[in-house]
Amino acid sequence: MKFDLHIHSKYSHDCRMEPLKILKIARKIDLNGIAVVDHNTVLGGVKTSRMRDEDMFVIIGSEIWTPHGEIIGLFLNEEIKSRGYLEVIDEIKGQGGISVLPHPYRKHQKFPDDVAGKVDVIEIFNARDEAWRNIRANALATATHMPVTAGSDAHLPRFIGRGAVESGDIVSEEDLRKAIIKKNISTRGRELGTIERLVDTAYRKIVKSSVFSAKIPPPK
């Protein structure tokens, strides 16, 4: 079973994908589940979850900004209000969620050396990262004996599924959570090529511009 655990929707400031579009593509490419992790909000995950079919897992999550970099929360129930990285991790755990250090070697990630011991999981494959960054992330997880995850970090429909985790029979969200924590998963993916990365960057810049950006409604 395949799960893309890092997808954005229109509820992120740099994306315009509709939740229903995400679900249609996930089904088309034979994903068994997805995690919608919009920037600083669970709204995309909540909306997508309400539209899913019974045979499609939708994990509610969020990618939270902190002064040191971003932390992903998976299996969330409500918004994460904190912005300090330790406080964010504590809030995620307080909801029974899993805290993930995503794309640890991007320029804006400036975490203290011991952060790997604070989070639950390290993202070792991100399709929007160059191969050398993913290799370093994998080495970090190996050195610290941490569980791992993977995802596309898709902001455009064509990139959904470019990164994923695979596991055996999963019949519930709890099964998936346990498989991640107990390291009973494998990761797979293909990084964006040079042209694809340029397209992705240009798209996100356009969406983030004040001319094209719509106001994001508050979560309900």
N, C-alpha and C. Protein backbone atom coordinates (compact mmCIF):
# COMPACT_ATOMS: atom_id res chain seq x y z
N MET A 1 0.84 -1.19 0.00
CA MET A 1 0.00 0.00 0.00
C MET A 1 0.88 1.24 0.00
N LYS A 2 0.47 2.26 -0.76
CA LYS A 2 1.30 3.45 -0.96
C LYS A 2 0.61 4.69 -0.40
N PHE A 3 1.41 5.52 0.28
CA PHE A 3 0.88 6.73 0.91
C PHE A 3 1.83 7.90 0.66
N ASP A 4 1.32 8.96 0.06
CA ASP A 4 2.08 10.20 -0.10
C ASP A 4 1.78 11.07 1.12
N LEU A 5 2.77 11.26 1.97
CA LEU A 5 2.55 11.89 3.27
C LEU A 5 2.98 13.35 3.34
N HIS A 6 3.00 14.03 2.18
CA HIS A 6 3.35 15.46 2.19
C HIS A 6 2.76 16.11 0.93
N ILE A 7 1.52 16.59 1.05
CA ILE A 7 0.82 17.25 -0.06
C ILE A 7 0.20 18.54 0.46
N HIS A 8 0.22 19.57 -0.39
CA HIS A 8 -0.40 20.85 -0.06
C HIS A 8 -1.67 21.08 -0.87
N SER A 9 -2.55 21.91 -0.34
CA SER A 9 -3.80 22.25 -1.03
C SER A 9 -3.92 23.76 -1.11
N LYS A 10 -5.05 24.23 -1.57
CA LYS A 10 -5.27 25.67 -1.74
C LYS A 10 -5.28 26.43 -0.41
N TYR A 11 -5.25 25.70 0.70
CA TYR A 11 -5.22 26.36 2.00
C TYR A 11 -3.80 26.69 2.44
N SER A 12 -2.82 26.38 1.59
CA SER A 12 -1.47 26.90 1.77
C SER A 12 -1.32 28.18 0.95
N HIS A 13 -0.43 29.06 1.39
CA HIS A 13 -0.27 30.36 0.73
C HIS A 13 0.39 30.26 -0.63
N ASP A 14 0.97 29.09 -0.95
CA ASP A 14 1.70 28.94 -2.21
C ASP A 14 1.16 27.80 -3.07
N CYS A 15 -0.12 27.53 -2.94
CA CYS A 15 -0.73 26.42 -3.67
C CYS A 15 -2.18 26.75 -4.00
N ARG A 16 -2.68 26.16 -5.07
CA ARG A 16 -4.07 26.38 -5.46
C ARG A 16 -4.82 25.08 -5.73
N MET A 17 -4.28 23.94 -5.30
CA MET A 17 -4.95 22.67 -5.58
C MET A 17 -6.19 22.50 -4.73
N GLU A 18 -7.29 22.17 -5.39
CA GLU A 18 -8.54 21.89 -4.70
C GLU A 18 -8.47 20.50 -4.05
N PRO A 19 -9.05 20.35 -2.86
CA PRO A 19 -9.05 19.03 -2.20
C PRO A 19 -9.62 17.92 -3.08
N LEU A 20 -10.70 18.19 -3.79
CA LEU A 20 -11.30 17.16 -4.63
C LEU A 20 -10.36 16.75 -5.75
N LYS A 21 -9.62 17.71 -6.32
CA LYS A 21 -8.64 17.42 -7.36
C LYS A 21 -7.54 16.51 -6.82
N ILE A 22 -7.09 16.79 -5.61
CA ILE A 22 -6.05 15.97 -4.99
C ILE A 22 -6.53 14.53 -4.86
N LEU A 23 -7.75 14.35 -4.39
CA LEU A 23 -8.30 13.00 -4.22
C LEU A 23 -8.44 12.27 -5.55
N LYS A 24 -8.90 12.96 -6.57
CA LYS A 24 -9.06 12.33 -7.88
C LYS A 24 -7.73 11.84 -8.43
N ILE A 25 -6.68 12.66 -8.28
CA ILE A 25 -5.37 12.26 -8.78
C ILE A 25 -4.81 11.10 -7.94
N ALA A 26 -4.99 11.18 -6.63
CA ALA A 26 -4.50 10.10 -5.76
C ALA A 26 -5.12 8.76 -6.15
N ARG A 27 -6.41 8.77 -6.45
CA ARG A 27 -7.07 7.54 -6.88
C ARG A 27 -6.55 7.08 -8.24
N LYS A 28 -6.35 8.04 -9.15
CA LYS A 28 -5.91 7.72 -10.51
C LYS A 28 -4.55 7.04 -10.52
N ILE A 29 -3.65 7.47 -9.63
CA ILE A 29 -2.30 6.90 -9.62
C ILE A 29 -2.15 5.79 -8.57
N ASP A 30 -3.30 5.32 -8.08
CA ASP A 30 -3.35 4.15 -7.19
C ASP A 30 -2.68 4.35 -5.84
N LEU A 31 -2.75 5.57 -5.31
CA LEU A 31 -2.35 5.76 -3.92
C LEU A 31 -3.46 5.23 -3.02
N ASN A 32 -3.06 4.69 -1.88
CA ASN A 32 -4.04 4.22 -0.90
C ASN A 32 -4.35 5.27 0.15
N GLY A 33 -3.51 6.30 0.22
CA GLY A 33 -3.75 7.35 1.19
C GLY A 33 -2.82 8.52 0.98
N ILE A 34 -3.20 9.65 1.58
CA ILE A 34 -2.42 10.88 1.48
C ILE A 34 -2.45 11.60 2.82
N ALA A 35 -1.49 12.48 2.99
CA ALA A 35 -1.52 13.42 4.12
C ALA A 35 -1.50 14.83 3.54
N VAL A 36 -2.49 15.63 3.89
CA VAL A 36 -2.54 17.03 3.47
C VAL A 36 -2.00 17.86 4.61
N VAL A 37 -0.89 18.56 4.36
CA VAL A 37 -0.15 19.25 5.42
C VAL A 37 0.06 20.71 5.04
N ASP A 38 -1.00 21.47 5.01
CA ASP A 38 -0.89 22.87 4.60
C ASP A 38 -0.11 23.69 5.61
N HIS A 39 0.43 24.81 5.12
CA HIS A 39 1.25 25.67 5.96
C HIS A 39 0.40 26.31 7.06
N ASN A 40 0.74 25.95 8.30
CA ASN A 40 0.17 26.60 9.49
C ASN A 40 -1.34 26.43 9.63
N THR A 41 -1.91 25.41 8.99
CA THR A 41 -3.34 25.16 9.17
C THR A 41 -3.65 23.70 8.84
N VAL A 42 -4.65 23.16 9.53
CA VAL A 42 -5.15 21.81 9.25
C VAL A 42 -6.36 21.86 8.32
N LEU A 43 -6.75 23.03 7.88
CA LEU A 43 -8.00 23.19 7.14
C LEU A 43 -8.02 22.34 5.87
N GLY A 44 -6.92 22.31 5.12
CA GLY A 44 -6.89 21.51 3.91
C GLY A 44 -7.10 20.03 4.20
N GLY A 45 -6.45 19.54 5.25
CA GLY A 45 -6.62 18.14 5.62
C GLY A 45 -8.04 17.84 6.05
N VAL A 46 -8.64 18.75 6.82
CA VAL A 46 -10.02 18.56 7.27
C VAL A 46 -10.97 18.52 6.08
N LYS A 47 -10.84 19.49 5.17
CA LYS A 47 -11.72 19.55 4.00
C LYS A 47 -11.57 18.32 3.12
N THR A 48 -10.31 17.91 2.90
CA THR A 48 -10.06 16.75 2.04
C THR A 48 -10.60 15.48 2.68
N SER A 49 -10.44 15.36 3.98
CA SER A 49 -10.92 14.17 4.69
C SER A 49 -12.43 14.01 4.55
N ARG A 50 -13.14 15.12 4.56
CA ARG A 50 -14.60 15.07 4.45
C ARG A 50 -15.06 14.60 3.07
N MET A 51 -14.19 14.73 2.06
CA MET A 51 -14.56 14.38 0.69
C MET A 51 -14.09 12.98 0.28
N ARG A 52 -13.34 12.32 1.11
CA ARG A 52 -12.69 11.07 0.72
C ARG A 52 -13.70 9.92 0.59
N ASP A 53 -13.31 8.91 -0.19
CA ASP A 53 -14.04 7.65 -0.24
C ASP A 53 -13.58 6.77 0.91
N GLU A 54 -14.35 5.73 1.18
CA GLU A 54 -14.01 4.85 2.29
C GLU A 54 -12.68 4.14 2.10
N ASP A 55 -12.29 3.92 0.83
CA ASP A 55 -11.05 3.17 0.58
C ASP A 55 -9.83 4.07 0.44
N MET A 56 -9.96 5.35 0.75
CA MET A 56 -8.84 6.29 0.67
C MET A 56 -8.58 6.89 2.04
N PHE A 57 -7.36 6.71 2.55
CA PHE A 57 -6.98 7.32 3.81
C PHE A 57 -6.59 8.78 3.58
N VAL A 58 -7.10 9.67 4.42
CA VAL A 58 -6.67 11.07 4.38
C VAL A 58 -6.21 11.45 5.78
N ILE A 59 -4.91 11.67 5.92
CA ILE A 59 -4.33 12.05 7.21
C ILE A 59 -4.36 13.57 7.32
N ILE A 60 -4.94 14.06 8.39
CA ILE A 60 -4.99 15.51 8.63
C ILE A 60 -3.67 15.94 9.26
N GLY A 61 -3.05 16.93 8.64
CA GLY A 61 -1.76 17.39 9.15
C GLY A 61 -1.56 18.87 8.91
N SER A 62 -0.38 19.34 9.25
CA SER A 62 -0.01 20.74 9.03
C SER A 62 1.51 20.85 9.03
N GLU A 63 2.02 21.77 8.21
CA GLU A 63 3.45 22.07 8.20
C GLU A 63 3.62 23.43 8.87
N ILE A 64 4.14 23.42 10.07
CA ILE A 64 4.14 24.61 10.92
C ILE A 64 5.48 25.32 10.86
N TRP A 65 5.41 26.62 10.62
CA TRP A 65 6.61 27.44 10.61
C TRP A 65 7.07 27.73 12.03
N THR A 66 8.38 27.63 12.25
CA THR A 66 9.00 28.09 13.49
C THR A 66 10.21 28.94 13.10
N PRO A 67 10.75 29.73 14.01
CA PRO A 67 11.94 30.53 13.68
C PRO A 67 13.15 29.70 13.24
N HIS A 68 13.15 28.40 13.57
CA HIS A 68 14.26 27.53 13.19
C HIS A 68 13.99 26.79 11.88
N GLY A 69 12.77 26.72 11.45
CA GLY A 69 12.39 25.95 10.27
C GLY A 69 11.02 25.35 10.47
N GLU A 70 10.66 24.38 9.65
CA GLU A 70 9.31 23.82 9.68
C GLU A 70 9.26 22.47 10.36
N ILE A 71 8.13 22.21 11.00
CA ILE A 71 7.83 20.92 11.61
C ILE A 71 6.48 20.48 11.05
N ILE A 72 6.38 19.23 10.64
CA ILE A 72 5.10 18.68 10.20
C ILE A 72 4.46 17.91 11.34
N GLY A 73 3.17 18.12 11.51
CA GLY A 73 2.38 17.29 12.41
C GLY A 73 1.44 16.42 11.59
N LEU A 74 1.46 15.13 11.82
CA LEU A 74 0.54 14.19 11.18
C LEU A 74 -0.44 13.64 12.20
N PHE A 75 -1.62 13.24 11.75
CA PHE A 75 -2.67 12.68 12.61
C PHE A 75 -3.14 13.72 13.63
N LEU A 76 -3.40 14.92 13.14
CA LEU A 76 -3.85 16.00 14.02
C LEU A 76 -5.37 16.06 14.09
N ASN A 77 -5.86 16.72 15.15
CA ASN A 77 -7.29 16.93 15.33
C ASN A 77 -7.66 18.40 15.27
N GLU A 78 -6.70 19.27 15.56
CA GLU A 78 -6.99 20.70 15.60
C GLU A 78 -5.72 21.49 15.28
N GLU A 79 -5.87 22.80 15.17
CA GLU A 79 -4.75 23.66 14.80
C GLU A 79 -3.64 23.63 15.84
N ILE A 80 -2.41 23.76 15.36
CA ILE A 80 -1.25 23.94 16.23
C ILE A 80 -1.06 25.44 16.40
N LYS A 81 -1.12 25.91 17.62
CA LYS A 81 -1.07 27.36 17.87
C LYS A 81 0.34 27.87 18.16
N SER A 82 1.20 27.01 18.67
CA SER A 82 2.55 27.44 19.02
C SER A 82 3.39 27.68 17.77
N ARG A 83 4.51 28.41 17.95
CA ARG A 83 5.44 28.63 16.85
C ARG A 83 6.89 28.36 17.26
N GLY A 84 7.17 28.16 18.53
CA GLY A 84 8.49 27.70 18.93
C GLY A 84 8.61 26.22 18.60
N TYR A 85 9.78 25.77 18.13
CA TYR A 85 9.83 24.40 17.61
C TYR A 85 9.59 23.35 18.70
N LEU A 86 10.08 23.55 19.90
CA LEU A 86 9.82 22.59 20.97
C LEU A 86 8.36 22.60 21.38
N GLU A 87 7.77 23.79 21.40
CA GLU A 87 6.35 23.91 21.76
C GLU A 87 5.46 23.28 20.69
N VAL A 88 5.86 23.45 19.42
CA VAL A 88 5.10 22.83 18.33
C VAL A 88 5.13 21.31 18.47
N ILE A 89 6.31 20.76 18.72
CA ILE A 89 6.44 19.31 18.89
C ILE A 89 5.59 18.83 20.06
N ASP A 90 5.59 19.57 21.16
CA ASP A 90 4.79 19.20 22.32
C ASP A 90 3.29 19.23 22.00
N GLU A 91 2.86 20.24 21.25
CA GLU A 91 1.44 20.33 20.88
C GLU A 91 1.02 19.18 19.99
N ILE A 92 1.89 18.82 19.04
CA ILE A 92 1.59 17.69 18.16
C ILE A 92 1.43 16.42 18.99
N LYS A 93 2.37 16.18 19.88
CA LYS A 93 2.30 14.99 20.72
C LYS A 93 1.10 15.03 21.65
N GLY A 94 0.72 16.23 22.10
CA GLY A 94 -0.44 16.39 22.95
C GLY A 94 -1.74 15.99 22.27
N GLN A 95 -1.76 16.05 20.94
CA GLN A 95 -2.92 15.62 20.17
C GLN A 95 -2.84 14.14 19.78
N GLY A 96 -1.77 13.48 20.19
CA GLY A 96 -1.59 12.09 19.78
C GLY A 96 -1.04 11.97 18.38
N GLY A 97 -0.49 13.07 17.85
CA GLY A 97 0.04 13.07 16.50
C GLY A 97 1.50 12.66 16.44
N ILE A 98 2.03 12.63 15.23
CA ILE A 98 3.43 12.32 14.97
C ILE A 98 4.11 13.59 14.48
N SER A 99 5.25 13.94 15.09
CA SER A 99 6.01 15.11 14.66
C SER A 99 7.10 14.68 13.68
N VAL A 100 7.20 15.41 12.58
CA VAL A 100 8.12 15.06 11.49
C VAL A 100 9.04 16.24 11.21
N LEU A 101 10.34 15.95 11.07
CA LEU A 101 11.28 16.96 10.59
C LEU A 101 11.36 16.82 9.07
N PRO A 102 10.75 17.74 8.31
CA PRO A 102 10.75 17.61 6.86
C PRO A 102 11.99 18.25 6.24
N HIS A 103 12.35 17.75 5.06
CA HIS A 103 13.45 18.31 4.26
C HIS A 103 14.51 18.99 5.14
N PRO A 104 15.20 18.23 5.99
CA PRO A 104 16.07 18.82 7.02
C PRO A 104 17.25 19.63 6.47
N TYR A 105 17.59 19.48 5.20
CA TYR A 105 18.78 20.17 4.70
C TYR A 105 18.47 21.28 3.70
N ARG A 106 17.23 21.79 3.72
CA ARG A 106 16.96 23.01 2.96
C ARG A 106 17.57 24.19 3.70
N LYS A 107 17.82 25.27 2.97
CA LYS A 107 18.54 26.40 3.51
C LYS A 107 17.85 27.01 4.73
N HIS A 108 16.52 27.03 4.74
CA HIS A 108 15.81 27.71 5.82
C HIS A 108 15.67 26.84 7.06
N GLN A 109 16.07 25.57 7.02
CA GLN A 109 16.01 24.73 8.20
C GLN A 109 17.26 24.96 9.03
N LYS A 110 17.10 25.54 10.20
CA LYS A 110 18.23 25.92 11.05
C LYS A 110 18.08 25.32 12.46
N PHE A 111 17.78 24.05 12.52
CA PHE A 111 17.49 23.44 13.80
C PHE A 111 18.75 23.15 14.61
N PRO A 112 18.62 23.17 15.94
CA PRO A 112 19.74 22.75 16.80
C PRO A 112 20.13 21.30 16.49
N ASP A 113 21.35 20.94 16.84
CA ASP A 113 21.88 19.62 16.51
C ASP A 113 21.05 18.48 17.10
N ASP A 114 20.38 18.72 18.23
CA ASP A 114 19.68 17.63 18.90
C ASP A 114 18.22 17.50 18.47
N VAL A 115 17.81 18.20 17.40
CA VAL A 115 16.40 18.18 17.03
C VAL A 115 15.94 16.79 16.63
N ALA A 116 16.84 15.99 16.05
CA ALA A 116 16.45 14.64 15.65
C ALA A 116 15.96 13.81 16.84
N GLY A 117 16.47 14.13 18.02
CA GLY A 117 16.02 13.42 19.21
C GLY A 117 14.72 13.95 19.78
N LYS A 118 14.25 15.06 19.26
CA LYS A 118 13.01 15.67 19.75
C LYS A 118 11.80 15.23 18.93
N VAL A 119 11.95 15.17 17.59
CA VAL A 119 10.83 14.78 16.74
C VAL A 119 10.67 13.27 16.75
N ASP A 120 9.53 12.80 16.22
CA ASP A 120 9.28 11.37 16.15
C ASP A 120 9.86 10.73 14.90
N VAL A 121 9.91 11.51 13.80
CA VAL A 121 10.21 10.95 12.49
C VAL A 121 11.02 11.96 11.67
N ILE A 122 11.86 11.47 10.77
CA ILE A 122 12.59 12.33 9.83
C ILE A 122 12.12 12.01 8.41
N GLU A 123 11.80 13.04 7.66
CA GLU A 123 11.45 12.86 6.25
C GLU A 123 12.75 12.67 5.46
N ILE A 124 12.93 11.47 4.90
CA ILE A 124 14.19 11.19 4.21
C ILE A 124 14.07 11.28 2.70
N PHE A 125 12.84 11.40 2.20
CA PHE A 125 12.67 11.65 0.77
C PHE A 125 11.60 12.71 0.57
N ASN A 126 11.98 13.77 -0.13
CA ASN A 126 11.07 14.85 -0.50
C ASN A 126 11.32 15.10 -1.99
N ALA A 127 10.29 14.93 -2.81
CA ALA A 127 10.47 14.99 -4.26
C ALA A 127 10.94 16.36 -4.74
N ARG A 128 10.71 17.42 -3.97
CA ARG A 128 11.13 18.75 -4.37
C ARG A 128 12.58 19.04 -3.97
N ASP A 129 13.19 18.15 -3.22
CA ASP A 129 14.60 18.33 -2.84
C ASP A 129 15.52 17.69 -3.87
N GLU A 130 16.74 18.22 -3.98
CA GLU A 130 17.74 17.57 -4.80
C GLU A 130 18.15 16.25 -4.15
N ALA A 131 18.69 15.34 -4.95
CA ALA A 131 19.04 14.01 -4.46
C ALA A 131 20.01 14.07 -3.29
N TRP A 132 20.99 15.01 -3.33
CA TRP A 132 21.99 15.05 -2.27
C TRP A 132 21.38 15.43 -0.93
N ARG A 133 20.32 16.26 -0.95
CA ARG A 133 19.66 16.61 0.31
C ARG A 133 18.93 15.39 0.88
N ASN A 134 18.28 14.62 0.02
CA ASN A 134 17.61 13.41 0.49
C ASN A 134 18.61 12.38 1.01
N ILE A 135 19.74 12.28 0.35
CA ILE A 135 20.78 11.35 0.82
C ILE A 135 21.27 11.75 2.21
N ARG A 136 21.47 13.04 2.42
CA ARG A 136 21.90 13.51 3.75
C ARG A 136 20.82 13.27 4.79
N ALA A 137 19.55 13.48 4.42
CA ALA A 137 18.46 13.24 5.36
C ALA A 137 18.40 11.77 5.75
N ASN A 138 18.60 10.90 4.77
CA ASN A 138 18.62 9.46 5.05
C ASN A 138 19.77 9.11 5.98
N ALA A 139 20.93 9.73 5.75
CA ALA A 139 22.09 9.47 6.62
C ALA A 139 21.82 9.94 8.05
N LEU A 140 21.13 11.07 8.18
CA LEU A 140 20.78 11.58 9.52
C LEU A 140 19.88 10.61 10.25
N ALA A 141 18.87 10.10 9.55
CA ALA A 141 17.95 9.14 10.18
C ALA A 141 18.66 7.86 10.57
N THR A 142 19.58 7.42 9.72
CA THR A 142 20.34 6.20 10.02
C THR A 142 21.23 6.41 11.25
N ALA A 143 21.91 7.55 11.29
CA ALA A 143 22.82 7.83 12.40
C ALA A 143 22.10 7.97 13.73
N THR A 144 20.86 8.46 13.68
CA THR A 144 20.10 8.70 14.91
C THR A 144 19.06 7.62 15.19
N HIS A 145 19.03 6.58 14.33
CA HIS A 145 18.12 5.44 14.50
C HIS A 145 16.65 5.89 14.55
N MET A 146 16.32 6.88 13.72
CA MET A 146 14.97 7.44 13.74
C MET A 146 14.07 6.78 12.71
N PRO A 147 12.77 6.68 13.00
CA PRO A 147 11.80 6.28 11.97
C PRO A 147 11.80 7.31 10.85
N VAL A 148 11.30 6.90 9.68
CA VAL A 148 11.38 7.77 8.51
C VAL A 148 10.01 7.89 7.83
N THR A 149 9.93 8.90 6.96
CA THR A 149 8.76 9.07 6.12
C THR A 149 9.18 9.69 4.81
N ALA A 150 8.21 9.85 3.89
CA ALA A 150 8.52 10.39 2.57
C ALA A 150 7.26 10.99 1.97
N GLY A 151 7.45 11.94 1.06
CA GLY A 151 6.30 12.55 0.40
C GLY A 151 6.72 13.37 -0.79
N SER A 152 5.75 13.77 -1.57
CA SER A 152 6.03 14.55 -2.78
C SER A 152 6.25 16.02 -2.50
N ASP A 153 5.65 16.53 -1.42
CA ASP A 153 5.64 17.98 -1.17
C ASP A 153 4.97 18.69 -2.35
N ALA A 154 3.97 18.03 -2.93
CA ALA A 154 3.33 18.53 -4.15
C ALA A 154 2.54 19.80 -3.90
N HIS A 155 2.77 20.78 -4.78
CA HIS A 155 1.96 21.99 -4.86
C HIS A 155 1.23 22.04 -6.20
N LEU A 156 1.62 21.19 -7.11
CA LEU A 156 0.99 21.06 -8.42
C LEU A 156 0.49 19.63 -8.60
N PRO A 157 -0.65 19.46 -9.29
CA PRO A 157 -1.24 18.13 -9.44
C PRO A 157 -0.29 17.10 -10.03
N ARG A 158 0.54 17.51 -10.99
CA ARG A 158 1.39 16.55 -11.69
C ARG A 158 2.45 15.91 -10.79
N PHE A 159 2.69 16.49 -9.63
CA PHE A 159 3.76 15.98 -8.76
C PHE A 159 3.24 15.11 -7.62
N ILE A 160 1.94 14.97 -7.49
CA ILE A 160 1.39 14.10 -6.44
C ILE A 160 1.87 12.67 -6.66
N GLY A 161 2.31 12.04 -5.60
CA GLY A 161 2.77 10.66 -5.68
C GLY A 161 4.24 10.48 -6.03
N ARG A 162 4.96 11.58 -6.27
CA ARG A 162 6.37 11.47 -6.63
C ARG A 162 7.24 11.05 -5.44
N GLY A 163 6.69 11.09 -4.24
CA GLY A 163 7.34 10.56 -3.06
C GLY A 163 6.29 9.86 -2.21
N ALA A 164 6.63 8.72 -1.65
CA ALA A 164 5.62 7.97 -0.89
C ALA A 164 6.29 6.97 0.04
N VAL A 165 5.50 6.47 0.97
CA VAL A 165 5.92 5.34 1.79
C VAL A 165 5.06 4.14 1.41
N GLU A 166 5.62 2.95 1.59
CA GLU A 166 4.90 1.72 1.31
C GLU A 166 4.91 0.84 2.54
N SER A 167 3.80 0.15 2.76
CA SER A 167 3.71 -0.76 3.89
C SER A 167 2.78 -1.90 3.53
N GLY A 168 2.66 -2.87 4.44
CA GLY A 168 1.79 -4.00 4.21
C GLY A 168 0.33 -3.60 4.37
N ASP A 169 -0.49 -4.56 4.69
CA ASP A 169 -1.92 -4.31 4.82
C ASP A 169 -2.18 -3.28 5.91
N ILE A 170 -2.82 -2.19 5.53
CA ILE A 170 -3.19 -1.12 6.45
C ILE A 170 -4.71 -0.99 6.41
N VAL A 171 -5.36 -1.20 7.52
CA VAL A 171 -6.83 -1.12 7.52
C VAL A 171 -7.35 0.05 8.33
N SER A 172 -6.44 0.80 8.95
CA SER A 172 -6.87 1.96 9.74
C SER A 172 -5.73 2.97 9.83
N GLU A 173 -6.08 4.19 10.21
CA GLU A 173 -5.05 5.21 10.43
C GLU A 173 -4.09 4.78 11.53
N GLU A 174 -4.61 4.10 12.52
CA GLU A 174 -3.75 3.64 13.61
C GLU A 174 -2.72 2.63 13.12
N ASP A 175 -3.12 1.78 12.16
CA ASP A 175 -2.17 0.85 11.57
C ASP A 175 -1.03 1.60 10.88
N LEU A 176 -1.38 2.64 10.15
CA LEU A 176 -0.36 3.43 9.46
C LEU A 176 0.55 4.13 10.45
N ARG A 177 -0.04 4.71 11.49
CA ARG A 177 0.76 5.38 12.52
C ARG A 177 1.77 4.40 13.13
N LYS A 178 1.30 3.21 13.48
CA LYS A 178 2.18 2.21 14.10
C LYS A 178 3.27 1.76 13.13
N ALA A 179 2.90 1.60 11.86
CA ALA A 179 3.88 1.17 10.86
C ALA A 179 5.01 2.19 10.72
N ILE A 180 4.66 3.47 10.78
CA ILE A 180 5.68 4.53 10.69
C ILE A 180 6.61 4.49 11.90
N ILE A 181 6.01 4.50 13.08
CA ILE A 181 6.80 4.56 14.32
C ILE A 181 7.65 3.30 14.51
N LYS A 182 7.11 2.14 14.12
CA LYS A 182 7.82 0.88 14.30
C LYS A 182 8.76 0.55 13.13
N LYS A 183 8.88 1.49 12.19
CA LYS A 183 9.77 1.35 11.03
C LYS A 183 9.37 0.20 10.11
N ASN A 184 8.08 -0.07 10.03
CA ASN A 184 7.58 -1.12 9.15
C ASN A 184 7.12 -0.55 7.81
N ILE A 185 7.91 0.38 7.29
CA ILE A 185 7.59 0.98 6.00
C ILE A 185 8.87 1.06 5.17
N SER A 186 8.69 1.25 3.89
CA SER A 186 9.80 1.57 3.00
C SER A 186 9.45 2.86 2.27
N THR A 187 10.45 3.54 1.75
CA THR A 187 10.22 4.80 1.04
C THR A 187 10.57 4.64 -0.43
N ARG A 188 9.90 5.43 -1.25
CA ARG A 188 10.15 5.40 -2.68
C ARG A 188 9.92 6.79 -3.25
N GLY A 189 10.48 7.06 -4.42
CA GLY A 189 10.20 8.35 -5.03
C GLY A 189 11.19 8.70 -6.13
N ARG A 190 10.88 9.80 -6.80
CA ARG A 190 11.73 10.32 -7.87
C ARG A 190 11.74 11.84 -7.76
N GLU A 191 12.92 12.40 -7.55
CA GLU A 191 13.04 13.84 -7.39
C GLU A 191 12.62 14.57 -8.67
N LEU A 192 12.14 15.80 -8.50
CA LEU A 192 11.82 16.63 -9.66
C LEU A 192 13.08 16.90 -10.46
N GLY A 193 12.93 16.91 -11.77
CA GLY A 193 14.05 17.29 -12.62
C GLY A 193 14.24 18.79 -12.63
N THR A 194 15.28 19.24 -13.30
CA THR A 194 15.61 20.66 -13.29
C THR A 194 14.47 21.52 -13.83
N ILE A 195 13.90 21.14 -14.96
CA ILE A 195 12.80 21.91 -15.55
C ILE A 195 11.57 21.85 -14.64
N GLU A 196 11.29 20.69 -14.10
CA GLU A 196 10.14 20.55 -13.20
C GLU A 196 10.31 21.43 -11.97
N ARG A 197 11.53 21.50 -11.45
CA ARG A 197 11.78 22.33 -10.27
C ARG A 197 11.60 23.81 -10.59
N LEU A 198 12.02 24.23 -11.78
CA LEU A 198 11.82 25.62 -12.20
C LEU A 198 10.34 25.95 -12.33
N VAL A 199 9.58 25.02 -12.91
CA VAL A 199 8.13 25.21 -13.05
C VAL A 199 7.48 25.32 -11.68
N ASP A 200 7.87 24.43 -10.78
CA ASP A 200 7.32 24.43 -9.42
C ASP A 200 7.63 25.74 -8.71
N THR A 201 8.86 26.22 -8.80
CA THR A 201 9.26 27.46 -8.13
C THR A 201 8.51 28.65 -8.70
N ALA A 202 8.41 28.72 -10.02
CA ALA A 202 7.70 29.83 -10.65
C ALA A 202 6.24 29.84 -10.26
N TYR A 203 5.62 28.68 -10.25
CA TYR A 203 4.21 28.57 -9.86
C TYR A 203 3.98 29.08 -8.45
N ARG A 204 4.81 28.62 -7.52
CA ARG A 204 4.61 29.02 -6.13
C ARG A 204 4.84 30.51 -5.93
N LYS A 205 5.79 31.09 -6.67
CA LYS A 205 6.02 32.53 -6.57
C LYS A 205 4.81 33.31 -7.08
N ILE A 206 4.22 32.85 -8.17
CA ILE A 206 3.04 33.53 -8.71
C ILE A 206 1.88 33.46 -7.72
N VAL A 207 1.66 32.27 -7.16
CA VAL A 207 0.56 32.10 -6.22
C VAL A 207 0.75 32.96 -4.98
N LYS A 208 2.00 33.07 -4.52
CA LYS A 208 2.27 33.85 -3.30
C LYS A 208 2.16 35.36 -3.52
N SER A 209 2.21 35.79 -4.76
CA SER A 209 2.14 37.23 -5.02
C SER A 209 0.77 37.77 -4.62
N SER A 210 0.76 39.01 -4.20
CA SER A 210 -0.48 39.62 -3.71
C SER A 210 -1.55 39.70 -4.78
N VAL A 211 -1.13 39.73 -6.06
CA VAL A 211 -2.10 39.84 -7.15
C VAL A 211 -2.94 38.58 -7.24
N PHE A 212 -2.29 37.42 -7.04
CA PHE A 212 -2.98 36.16 -7.26
C PHE A 212 -3.45 35.47 -5.98
N SER A 213 -2.93 35.88 -4.85
CA SER A 213 -3.26 35.19 -3.60
C SER A 213 -4.63 35.60 -3.09
N ALA A 214 -5.42 34.60 -2.76
CA ALA A 214 -6.73 34.84 -2.13
C ALA A 214 -6.56 34.70 -0.63
N LYS A 215 -7.43 35.36 0.09
CA LYS A 215 -7.38 35.24 1.54
C LYS A 215 -7.83 33.83 1.96
N ILE A 216 -7.11 33.27 2.90
CA ILE A 216 -7.44 31.93 3.38
C ILE A 216 -8.45 32.06 4.52
N PRO A 217 -9.61 31.41 4.41
CA PRO A 217 -10.60 31.53 5.48
C PRO A 217 -10.11 30.87 6.76
N PRO A 218 -10.52 31.35 7.91
CA PRO A 218 -10.09 30.73 9.17
C PRO A 218 -10.67 29.34 9.30
N PRO A 219 -9.96 28.44 9.98
CA PRO A 219 -10.47 27.07 10.14
C PRO A 219 -11.72 27.05 11.01
N LYS A 220 -12.58 26.08 10.76
CA LYS A 220 -13.82 25.94 11.53
C LYS A 220 -13.80 24.62 12.29
